[in-house]
C-alpha cells in the first residue's frame, strides 16, 4: 500500500484556509493587479546523493506581500515527479515553505525544481532551477529512527496518530509501519514517481505543523483503539541498510 508522501492536515481541517491578510493589506485593492512584480528566488543545496534542501528568499510586489505557495520537481524529460504541499493549508504560515527538503531523487539524474510564489492578489510568479544529483559510493550506516509514540493531531486534538521521525546519511527508500503484525502504512521512494518532502522547523509561529521536520504521522483503524499493540517501524535506506524500531503502545 503506497500512501501520500506529504503529511499534513486533511479532511475537515483542510477545509479551513488561514487568511493571512492583516490591517496593512485591508485597504489594498486587487482590481487591475494581474501580476506579481518580482517572484521569490531560491537556492538549491544538494545534501546527499538523493536529497536537496531548497531555500527561498526575496520577491517584491506593490501589494507588499509575497509568499511561497508550491514546490514542484520535474525529471529530465520535463515530466512532473511530485509537488508540495498537497491540498489547502489550514492554520499555518505559508512562510514555513521557505525552507524545504526534498528526498528521493535518483543519484546521477538531473531534475528541475520549481518554486511558485504568490502576491496578496494570488498572482503567481514561477522560478525554476536545475540540479544534477551526485553518485556516491555505497555506505553501511543504518537509518536513524525515533521510538514510535502517540500524539494528538488537529486544531483541537481531534484524533490520535502514531508519530516518529527518521533520517539517513544517503536517503530513506522505504518506511513500513506495523501494529501487531498488520501493516498500517508503506511509504516508498526512489521509484521515479514519489519523493519525500518536509519543511524545516518553523519556530516563528510557535506551532508544530505535521509538515515540519522529517516526521511521520500514521493513523490506525478503530478496531485497534482501546487495546495494546506492538508497533514496529521498519526503515530501509537506498543501499539496503535497515533499522527496526519497536515499542508497545496502548492505542
Protein backbone atom coordinates (compact mmCIF):
# COMPACT_ATOMS: atom_id res chain seq x y z
CA UNK A 1 0.00 0.00 0.00
CA UNK A 2 1.52 3.30 -1.09
CA UNK A 3 0.40 6.40 0.74
CA UNK A 4 0.71 10.15 0.18
CA UNK A 5 4.26 11.27 0.82
CA UNK A 6 3.20 14.68 2.09
CA UNK A 7 1.95 14.71 5.65
CA UNK A 8 -0.44 17.41 6.77
CA UNK A 9 -3.93 18.20 7.94
CA UNK A 10 -6.64 16.53 5.89
CA UNK A 11 -10.43 16.37 5.80
CA UNK A 12 -12.25 18.92 7.90
CA UNK A 13 -9.08 20.77 8.87
CA UNK A 14 -8.05 21.35 5.26
CA UNK A 15 -11.42 22.94 4.53
CA UNK A 16 -10.48 25.99 6.56
CA UNK A 17 -7.84 28.18 4.96
CA UNK A 18 -5.94 30.58 7.15
CA UNK A 19 -6.36 34.09 5.79
CA UNK A 20 -3.10 35.92 6.19
CA UNK A 21 -4.39 39.39 5.39
CA UNK A 22 -3.64 42.00 8.02
CA UNK A 23 -4.57 45.61 8.55
CA UNK A 24 -1.79 46.77 6.20
CA UNK A 25 -3.44 44.89 3.33
CA UNK A 26 -7.06 45.58 4.22
CA UNK A 27 -7.18 48.73 2.11
CA UNK A 28 -5.34 47.27 -0.89
CA UNK A 29 -7.50 46.62 -3.95
CA UNK A 30 -6.66 43.77 -6.35
CA UNK A 31 -8.64 45.41 -9.14
CA UNK A 32 -6.28 45.80 -12.09
CA UNK A 33 -3.47 43.89 -10.33
CA UNK A 34 -2.71 40.97 -12.65
CA UNK A 35 0.93 40.13 -11.99
CA UNK A 36 3.44 39.52 -9.23
CA UNK A 37 6.14 42.15 -9.71
CA UNK A 38 9.21 40.12 -8.66
CA UNK A 39 8.82 36.43 -7.76
CA UNK A 40 10.79 34.83 -4.98
CA UNK A 41 14.14 33.22 -5.82
CA UNK A 42 15.58 30.09 -4.26
CA UNK A 43 18.88 28.32 -3.72
CA UNK A 44 19.08 24.51 -4.03
CA UNK A 45 21.77 22.80 -1.94
CA UNK A 46 22.48 19.12 -2.60
CA UNK A 47 22.90 17.44 0.79
CA UNK A 48 23.34 13.80 -0.29
CA UNK A 49 23.01 11.56 -3.33
CA UNK A 50 19.23 11.82 -3.11
CA UNK A 51 18.35 14.89 -1.02
CA UNK A 52 18.20 18.61 -1.82
CA UNK A 53 17.47 21.48 0.54
CA UNK A 54 15.80 24.47 -1.11
CA UNK A 55 15.79 27.91 0.49
CA UNK A 56 13.51 30.67 -0.84
CA UNK A 57 14.04 34.38 -0.34
CA UNK A 58 13.41 37.79 -1.83
CA UNK A 59 10.50 38.74 -4.02
CA UNK A 60 8.64 42.03 -4.03
CA UNK A 61 5.25 43.33 -5.07
CA UNK A 62 3.21 46.51 -4.97
CA UNK A 63 0.78 44.75 -2.60
CA UNK A 64 3.63 44.42 -0.06
CA UNK A 65 3.07 40.67 0.18
CA UNK A 66 4.98 37.79 -1.46
CA UNK A 67 4.99 34.23 -0.10
CA UNK A 68 5.94 30.77 -1.37
CA UNK A 69 2.93 28.68 -2.39
CA UNK A 70 4.17 25.46 -4.00
CA UNK A 71 7.26 23.45 -4.92
CA UNK A 72 7.44 21.06 -7.88
CA UNK A 73 10.03 18.63 -9.20
CA UNK A 74 10.39 17.60 -12.87
CA UNK A 75 12.61 14.89 -14.32
CA UNK A 76 14.98 15.34 -17.26
CA UNK A 77 12.08 14.75 -19.67
CA UNK A 78 10.18 17.64 -18.03
CA UNK A 79 7.63 15.24 -16.54
CA UNK A 80 6.40 16.31 -13.11
CA UNK A 81 7.59 13.87 -10.46
CA UNK A 82 5.86 15.33 -7.41
CA UNK A 83 4.74 18.55 -5.73
CA UNK A 84 4.43 20.04 -2.25
CA UNK A 85 2.28 20.85 -0.36
CA UNK A 86 -0.76 18.84 -1.36
CA UNK A 87 -4.12 20.49 -0.71
CA UNK A 88 -5.01 23.68 1.12
CA UNK A 89 -3.02 24.50 4.21
CA UNK A 90 -5.04 25.03 7.36
CA UNK A 91 -3.84 27.44 10.05
CA UNK A 92 -0.20 27.52 9.01
CA UNK A 93 2.02 30.32 7.74
CA UNK A 94 2.97 29.99 4.08
CA UNK A 95 6.38 31.36 5.07
CA UNK A 96 7.02 27.90 6.51
CA UNK A 97 7.59 26.77 2.92
CA UNK A 98 10.66 28.97 2.52
CA UNK A 99 12.90 26.15 3.79
CA UNK A 100 12.01 22.75 2.33
CA UNK A 101 13.71 19.38 1.93
CA UNK A 102 13.10 17.03 -0.98
CA UNK A 103 14.42 13.46 -0.84
CA UNK A 104 14.13 10.51 -3.20
CA UNK A 105 15.85 12.00 -6.24
CA UNK A 106 17.84 9.37 -8.12
CA UNK A 107 21.65 9.64 -7.98
CA UNK A 108 23.19 10.73 -11.28
CA UNK A 109 19.95 12.15 -12.69
CA UNK A 110 19.10 15.76 -13.49
CA UNK A 111 15.96 17.44 -12.15
CA UNK A 112 14.27 20.80 -12.44
CA UNK A 113 12.93 22.28 -9.22
CA UNK A 114 10.20 24.92 -9.44
CA UNK A 115 9.05 27.46 -6.88
CA UNK A 116 5.68 29.15 -7.24
CA UNK A 117 5.27 32.30 -5.16
CA UNK A 118 2.14 34.45 -4.87
CA UNK A 119 1.32 38.03 -4.02
CA UNK A 120 -1.62 39.34 -1.97
CA UNK A 121 -3.91 39.09 -5.02
CA UNK A 122 -2.88 35.46 -5.66
CA UNK A 123 -0.90 36.31 -8.79
CA UNK A 124 1.72 33.60 -9.36
CA UNK A 125 5.40 34.01 -10.18
CA UNK A 126 7.46 30.97 -11.22
CA UNK A 127 11.20 30.37 -10.87
CA UNK A 128 12.94 27.16 -11.98
CA UNK A 129 16.44 25.81 -11.37
CA UNK A 130 18.18 22.61 -12.44
CA UNK A 131 20.21 20.27 -10.24
CA UNK A 132 22.16 17.10 -11.03
CA UNK A 133 22.34 14.60 -8.21
CA UNK A 134 25.76 13.15 -7.35
CA UNK A 135 26.65 9.47 -7.45
CA UNK A 136 28.18 8.23 -4.21
CA UNK A 137 29.77 5.03 -3.00
CA UNK A 138 27.69 2.57 -1.04
CA UNK A 139 27.65 3.01 2.73
CA UNK A 140 26.66 0.78 5.63
CA UNK A 141 25.18 3.27 8.08
CA UNK A 142 21.69 2.28 9.19
CA UNK A 143 18.88 4.88 9.21
CA UNK A 144 18.10 6.79 12.40
CA UNK A 145 14.56 6.17 13.67
CA UNK A 146 12.89 7.57 16.78
CA UNK A 147 10.71 5.41 19.02
CA UNK A 148 7.08 5.50 17.87
CA UNK A 149 4.77 7.50 20.14
CA UNK A 150 1.13 8.57 20.27
CA UNK A 151 0.36 12.22 19.56
CA UNK A 152 -2.87 14.17 19.22
CA UNK A 153 -3.29 15.82 15.82
CA UNK A 154 -5.73 18.50 14.80
CA UNK A 155 -6.69 22.03 15.65
CA UNK A 156 -8.27 20.90 18.89
CA UNK A 157 -6.52 17.49 19.15
CA UNK A 158 -9.39 15.75 17.38
CA UNK A 159 -7.63 12.45 16.77
CA UNK A 160 -4.60 10.41 17.82
CA UNK A 161 -1.93 9.08 15.48
CA UNK A 162 1.38 7.27 15.65
CA UNK A 163 4.34 9.62 15.29
CA UNK A 164 8.04 9.04 14.65
CA UNK A 165 10.89 10.62 12.70
CA UNK A 166 13.60 9.12 10.52
CA UNK A 167 16.65 10.30 8.60
CA UNK A 168 19.56 8.67 6.78
CA UNK A 169 23.01 9.70 5.58
CA UNK A 170 22.16 8.93 1.95
CA UNK A 171 18.40 8.66 1.77
CA UNK A 172 15.37 6.75 3.01
CA UNK A 173 13.91 4.46 0.34
CA UNK A 174 11.09 2.79 2.28
CA UNK A 175 9.24 3.22 5.57
CA UNK A 176 6.83 0.49 6.67
CA UNK A 177 4.69 0.69 9.82
CA UNK A 178 3.05 -2.28 11.56
CA UNK A 179 0.81 -2.78 14.58
CA UNK A 180 0.58 -6.36 15.86
CA UNK A 181 1.87 -7.51 12.50
CA UNK A 182 -0.75 -5.62 10.49
CA UNK A 183 0.75 -3.16 8.02
CA UNK A 184 -0.62 0.33 8.57
CA UNK A 185 1.47 2.20 6.01
CA UNK A 186 4.17 1.71 3.40
CA UNK A 187 5.99 4.75 2.02
CA UNK A 188 8.21 4.03 -0.99
CA UNK A 189 10.64 6.50 -2.56
CA UNK A 190 13.35 6.47 -5.24
CA UNK A 191 10.77 4.99 -7.63
CA UNK A 192 10.83 7.85 -10.19
CA UNK A 193 7.30 8.77 -9.09
CA UNK A 194 7.29 9.95 -5.49
CA UNK A 195 9.68 11.86 -3.29
CA UNK A 196 9.72 12.73 0.38
CA UNK A 197 9.10 16.33 1.45
CA UNK A 198 9.32 18.17 4.73
CA UNK A 199 9.81 21.74 5.92
CA UNK A 200 12.45 22.89 8.33
CA UNK A 201 11.05 23.56 11.79
CA UNK A 202 9.29 26.91 11.60
CA UNK A 203 9.61 28.34 15.10
CA UNK A 204 8.17 31.75 14.23
CA UNK A 205 4.58 30.58 14.65
CA UNK A 206 5.13 28.68 17.94
CA UNK A 207 3.13 25.80 16.44
CA UNK A 208 4.40 22.43 15.25
CA UNK A 209 2.78 21.52 11.94
CA UNK A 210 2.72 17.94 10.67
CA UNK A 211 4.66 19.25 7.66
CA UNK A 212 7.68 20.28 9.75
CA UNK A 213 10.69 18.05 10.25
CA UNK A 214 11.34 14.51 8.94
CA UNK A 215 8.29 13.24 10.82
CA UNK A 216 5.59 10.71 10.01
CA UNK A 217 2.04 10.66 11.35
CA UNK A 218 0.22 7.37 10.80
CA UNK A 219 -3.39 6.61 11.62
CA UNK A 220 -4.67 3.21 12.74
CA UNK A 221 -8.10 1.56 12.49
CA UNK A 222 -10.82 1.99 15.09
CA UNK A 223 -10.70 -1.75 15.74
CA UNK A 224 -7.28 -1.31 17.38
CA UNK A 225 -8.34 1.51 19.67
CA UNK A 226 -8.51 0.69 23.36
CA UNK A 227 -6.01 -2.16 23.08
CA UNK A 228 -2.25 -2.59 23.37
CA UNK A 229 -0.22 -3.18 20.25
CA UNK A 230 3.35 -3.89 19.29
CA UNK A 231 4.17 -1.03 16.93
CA UNK A 232 7.08 -1.62 14.57
CA UNK A 233 8.69 0.87 12.20
CA UNK A 234 10.96 -0.62 9.54
CA UNK A 235 13.13 1.88 7.65
CA UNK A 236 15.35 0.93 4.73
CA UNK A 237 17.84 3.24 3.05
CA UNK A 238 18.87 3.29 -0.62
CA UNK A 239 21.69 0.80 -0.01
CA UNK A 240 19.55 -1.72 1.83
CA UNK A 241 20.64 -0.80 5.35
CA UNK A 242 17.69 -1.27 7.67
CA UNK A 243 16.59 -0.19 11.14
CA UNK A 244 13.65 -1.63 13.06
CA UNK A 245 12.29 0.47 15.92
CA UNK A 246 9.52 -1.05 18.04
CA UNK A 247 7.55 -0.37 21.19
CA UNK A 248 4.31 -1.44 22.86
CA UNK A 249 1.66 1.28 22.92
CA UNK A 250 -1.82 1.46 24.35
CA UNK A 251 -3.82 2.53 21.34
